Each structure stands twice: as C-alpha cells, then as structure tokens.
Amino acid sequence: MAKWTPKHEAPEPLEGPVVPVITGGTIIWFVLFLVQLPFYGWFDDHGHLWWLWTCLAGAALGLLGIRITRSRDAAIKRARAAAEGEPVPGTGQTHETEQAPAE
C-alpha cells in the first residue's frame, strides 16, 4: 500500500459571514427550547426530557460561539489594519505609534 501524498496545495479556507451563521443557529436552538418547554410533562413521562436540555445546551454553546467568533473577527480586522498601516480600530492610533517606546 503506497503512502498518500498530496499532488497540489490545499486551497485557502473560505471566510464567510461566521457571526451571523452562529447567531442564527443559537436563535434556532433557543426557539426550539421555548417551543418544547410547555410540553415538559409529556417529555418527562415518555423519557424524552433530554430533548429539552439538548436545546438549552445548544443555545448556551451558541452564545459561547458568538463570543468566540466575534473576538476572532475583531482580531482578524486588527491584524489586517496592522498589515496595511491603518489606524487601530477603537483607538485612532496606528500600530507603529502604539508600539513606540515611551520616553
């Protein structure tokens, strides 16, 4: 059996609207939780209570995902601004002036 070796370079990863996608998924999980909440007794009687808690866990993890992706997008924008010598978002200073030694 021959060892597999790539014949070409991997393509660049696609960067899409990650924050809106994560936000939409989080909203869906939370809405599913709210829709199932009135049927708590039925889920409990039939052994399907985990469905309710799965939706709540999905919403909670979605909130964490929103925070992570927003900070990632902000870091990407800061790095892009630093590479182009533009002002740092939120400070009005360029990266060169911000990192200058204080005298």
C-alpha atoms as a PDB file:
ATOM      1  CA  MET A   1       0.000   0.000   0.000  1.00  0.00           C
ATOM      2  CA  ALA A   2       1.510   3.287  -1.098  1.00  0.00           C
ATOM      3  CA  LYS A   3       1.638   6.269   1.212  1.00  0.00           C
ATOM      4  CA  TRP A   4      -0.727   9.031   0.177  1.00  0.00           C
ATOM      5  CA  THR A   5       0.906  12.320  -0.764  1.00  0.00           C
ATOM      6  CA  PRO A   6      -0.927  15.430  -1.925  1.00  0.00           C
ATOM      7  CA  LYS A   7      -0.477  16.347  -5.572  1.00  0.00           C
ATOM      8  CA  HIS A   8      -1.378  20.035  -5.112  1.00  0.00           C
ATOM      9  CA  GLU A   9      -1.583  22.658  -2.396  1.00  0.00           C
ATOM     10  CA  ALA A  10      -4.664  22.916  -0.252  1.00  0.00           C
ATOM     11  CA  PRO A  11      -6.982  25.816  -1.135  1.00  0.00           C
ATOM     12  CA  GLU A  12      -7.342  28.795   1.165  1.00  0.00           C
ATOM     13  CA  PRO A  13     -10.160  28.413   3.709  1.00  0.00           C
ATOM     14  CA  LEU A  14     -13.422  30.140   2.874  1.00  0.00           C
ATOM     15  CA  GLU A  15     -14.199  33.121   5.066  1.00  0.00           C
ATOM     16  CA  GLY A  16     -17.892  33.771   5.193  1.00  0.00           C
ATOM     17  CA  PRO A  17     -20.276  35.566   7.500  1.00  0.00           C
ATOM     18  CA  VAL A  18     -19.479  33.360  10.505  1.00  0.00           C
ATOM     19  CA  VAL A  19     -21.032  35.515  13.240  1.00  0.00           C
ATOM     20  CA  PRO A  20     -24.497  35.723  11.605  1.00  0.00           C
ATOM     21  CA  VAL A  21     -24.489  31.973  10.977  1.00  0.00           C
ATOM     22  CA  ILE A  22     -23.605  31.197  14.608  1.00  0.00           C
ATOM     23  CA  THR A  23     -26.180  33.739  15.798  1.00  0.00           C
ATOM     24  CA  GLY A  24     -28.877  32.183  13.614  1.00  0.00           C
ATOM     25  CA  GLY A  25     -28.106  28.712  14.916  1.00  0.00           C
ATOM     26  CA  THR A  26     -28.190  29.945  18.505  1.00  0.00           C
ATOM     27  CA  ILE A  27     -31.577  31.557  17.954  1.00  0.00           C
ATOM     28  CA  ILE A  28     -32.919  28.333  16.439  1.00  0.00           C
ATOM     29  CA  TRP A  29     -31.731  26.268  19.434  1.00  0.00           C
ATOM     30  CA  PHE A  30     -33.294  28.751  21.877  1.00  0.00           C
ATOM     31  CA  VAL A  31     -36.599  28.862  19.976  1.00  0.00           C
ATOM     32  CA  LEU A  32     -36.700  25.054  19.953  1.00  0.00           C
ATOM     33  CA  PHE A  33     -36.165  25.105  23.720  1.00  0.00           C
ATOM     34  CA  LEU A  34     -39.014  27.592  24.205  1.00  0.00           C
ATOM     35  CA  VAL A  35     -41.353  25.621  21.913  1.00  0.00           C
ATOM     36  CA  GLN A  36     -40.729  22.402  23.854  1.00  0.00           C
ATOM     37  CA  LEU A  37     -40.957  23.981  27.309  1.00  0.00           C
ATOM     38  CA  PRO A  38     -44.796  23.802  27.569  1.00  0.00           C
ATOM     39  CA  PHE A  39     -44.563  20.042  26.913  1.00  0.00           C
ATOM     40  CA  TYR A  40     -42.174  19.405  29.812  1.00  0.00           C
ATOM     41  CA  GLY A  41     -44.532  16.902  31.445  1.00  0.00           C
ATOM     42  CA  TRP A  42     -45.036  14.916  28.254  1.00  0.00           C
ATOM     43  CA  PHE A  43     -41.294  14.728  27.620  1.00  0.00           C
ATOM     44  CA  ASP A  44     -40.741  13.637  31.227  1.00  0.00           C
ATOM     45  CA  ASP A  45     -43.449  10.936  31.031  1.00  0.00           C
ATOM     46  CA  HIS A  46     -42.049   9.463  27.823  1.00  0.00           C
ATOM     47  CA  GLY A  47     -38.350   9.637  28.725  1.00  0.00           C
ATOM     48  CA  HIS A  48     -37.533  12.352  26.208  1.00  0.00           C
ATOM     49  CA  LEU A  49     -36.639  15.111  28.648  1.00  0.00           C
ATOM     50  CA  TRP A  50     -33.119  15.165  27.242  1.00  0.00           C
ATOM     51  CA  TRP A  51     -34.535  16.793  24.081  1.00  0.00           C
ATOM     52  CA  LEU A  52     -35.390  19.879  26.099  1.00  0.00           C
ATOM     53  CA  TRP A  53     -31.968  20.074  27.762  1.00  0.00           C
ATOM     54  CA  THR A  54     -30.190  19.454  24.450  1.00  0.00           C
ATOM     55  CA  CYS A  55     -31.844  22.555  23.005  1.00  0.00           C
ATOM     56  CA  LEU A  56     -30.876  24.612  26.045  1.00  0.00           C
ATOM     57  CA  ALA A  57     -27.281  23.341  25.836  1.00  0.00           C
ATOM     58  CA  GLY A  58     -27.212  24.206  22.123  1.00  0.00           C
ATOM     59  CA  ALA A  59     -28.332  27.751  22.888  1.00  0.00           C
ATOM     60  CA  ALA A  60     -25.749  28.124  25.677  1.00  0.00           C
ATOM     61  CA  LEU A  61     -22.939  26.803  23.500  1.00  0.00           C
ATOM     62  CA  GLY A  62     -24.140  29.081  20.721  1.00  0.00           C
ATOM     63  CA  LEU A  63     -23.717  32.104  22.999  1.00  0.00           C
ATOM     64  CA  LEU A  64     -20.161  30.972  23.680  1.00  0.00           C
ATOM     65  CA  GLY A  65     -19.633  30.523  19.938  1.00  0.00           C
ATOM     66  CA  ILE A  66     -20.887  34.039  19.229  1.00  0.00           C
ATOM     67  CA  ARG A  67     -18.407  35.468  21.724  1.00  0.00           C
ATOM     68  CA  ILE A  68     -15.514  33.472  20.289  1.00  0.00           C
ATOM     69  CA  THR A  69     -16.287  34.274  16.648  1.00  0.00           C
ATOM     70  CA  ARG A  70     -16.785  37.990  17.367  1.00  0.00           C
ATOM     71  CA  SER A  71     -13.409  38.206  19.096  1.00  0.00           C
ATOM     72  CA  ARG A  72     -11.822  36.213  16.250  1.00  0.00           C
ATOM     73  CA  ASP A  73     -13.275  38.590  13.645  1.00  0.00           C
ATOM     74  CA  ALA A  74     -12.040  41.591  15.654  1.00  0.00           C
ATOM     75  CA  ALA A  75      -8.536  40.089  15.849  1.00  0.00           C
ATOM     76  CA  ILE A  76      -8.518  39.456  12.102  1.00  0.00           C
ATOM     77  CA  LYS A  77      -9.551  43.071  11.448  1.00  0.00           C
ATOM     78  CA  ARG A  78      -6.833  44.358  13.789  1.00  0.00           C
ATOM     79  CA  ALA A  79      -4.208  42.215  12.084  1.00  0.00           C
ATOM     80  CA  ARG A  80      -5.354  43.366   8.652  1.00  0.00           C
ATOM     81  CA  ALA A  81      -5.223  47.018   9.772  1.00  0.00           C
ATOM     82  CA  ALA A  82      -1.739  46.499  11.213  1.00  0.00           C
ATOM     83  CA  ALA A  83      -0.515  44.971   7.969  1.00  0.00           C
ATOM     84  CA  GLU A  84      -1.850  47.921   5.982  1.00  0.00           C
ATOM     85  CA  GLY A  85      -0.698  50.591   8.464  1.00  0.00           C
ATOM     86  CA  GLU A  86      -4.232  51.829   9.073  1.00  0.00           C
ATOM     87  CA  PRO A  87      -5.444  53.170  12.429  1.00  0.00           C
ATOM     88  CA  VAL A  88      -6.210  50.588  15.074  1.00  0.00           C
ATOM     89  CA  PRO A  89      -9.998  50.268  15.405  1.00  0.00           C
ATOM     90  CA  GLY A  90     -11.249  51.971  18.549  1.00  0.00           C
ATOM     91  CA  THR A  91      -8.027  53.905  19.328  1.00  0.00           C
ATOM     92  CA  GLY A  92      -7.378  56.134  16.344  1.00  0.00           C
ATOM     93  CA  GLN A  93      -3.648  55.275  16.502  1.00  0.00           C
ATOM     94  CA  THR A  94      -1.615  53.309  14.035  1.00  0.00           C
ATOM     95  CA  HIS A  95       0.203  50.214  15.225  1.00  0.00           C
ATOM     96  CA  GLU A  96       3.574  51.918  14.734  1.00  0.00           C
ATOM     97  CA  THR A  97       2.737  54.807  17.080  1.00  0.00           C
ATOM     98  CA  GLU A  98       1.093  52.492  19.570  1.00  0.00           C
ATOM     99  CA  GLN A  99       4.192  50.324  19.951  1.00  0.00           C
ATOM    100  CA  ALA A 100       6.696  53.206  20.154  1.00  0.00           C
ATOM    101  CA  PRO A 101       8.726  53.215  23.389  1.00  0.00           C
ATOM    102  CA  ALA A 102       7.627  55.784  25.948  1.00  0.00           C
ATOM    103  CA  GLU A 103      10.236  58.351  26.982  1.00  0.00           C
END
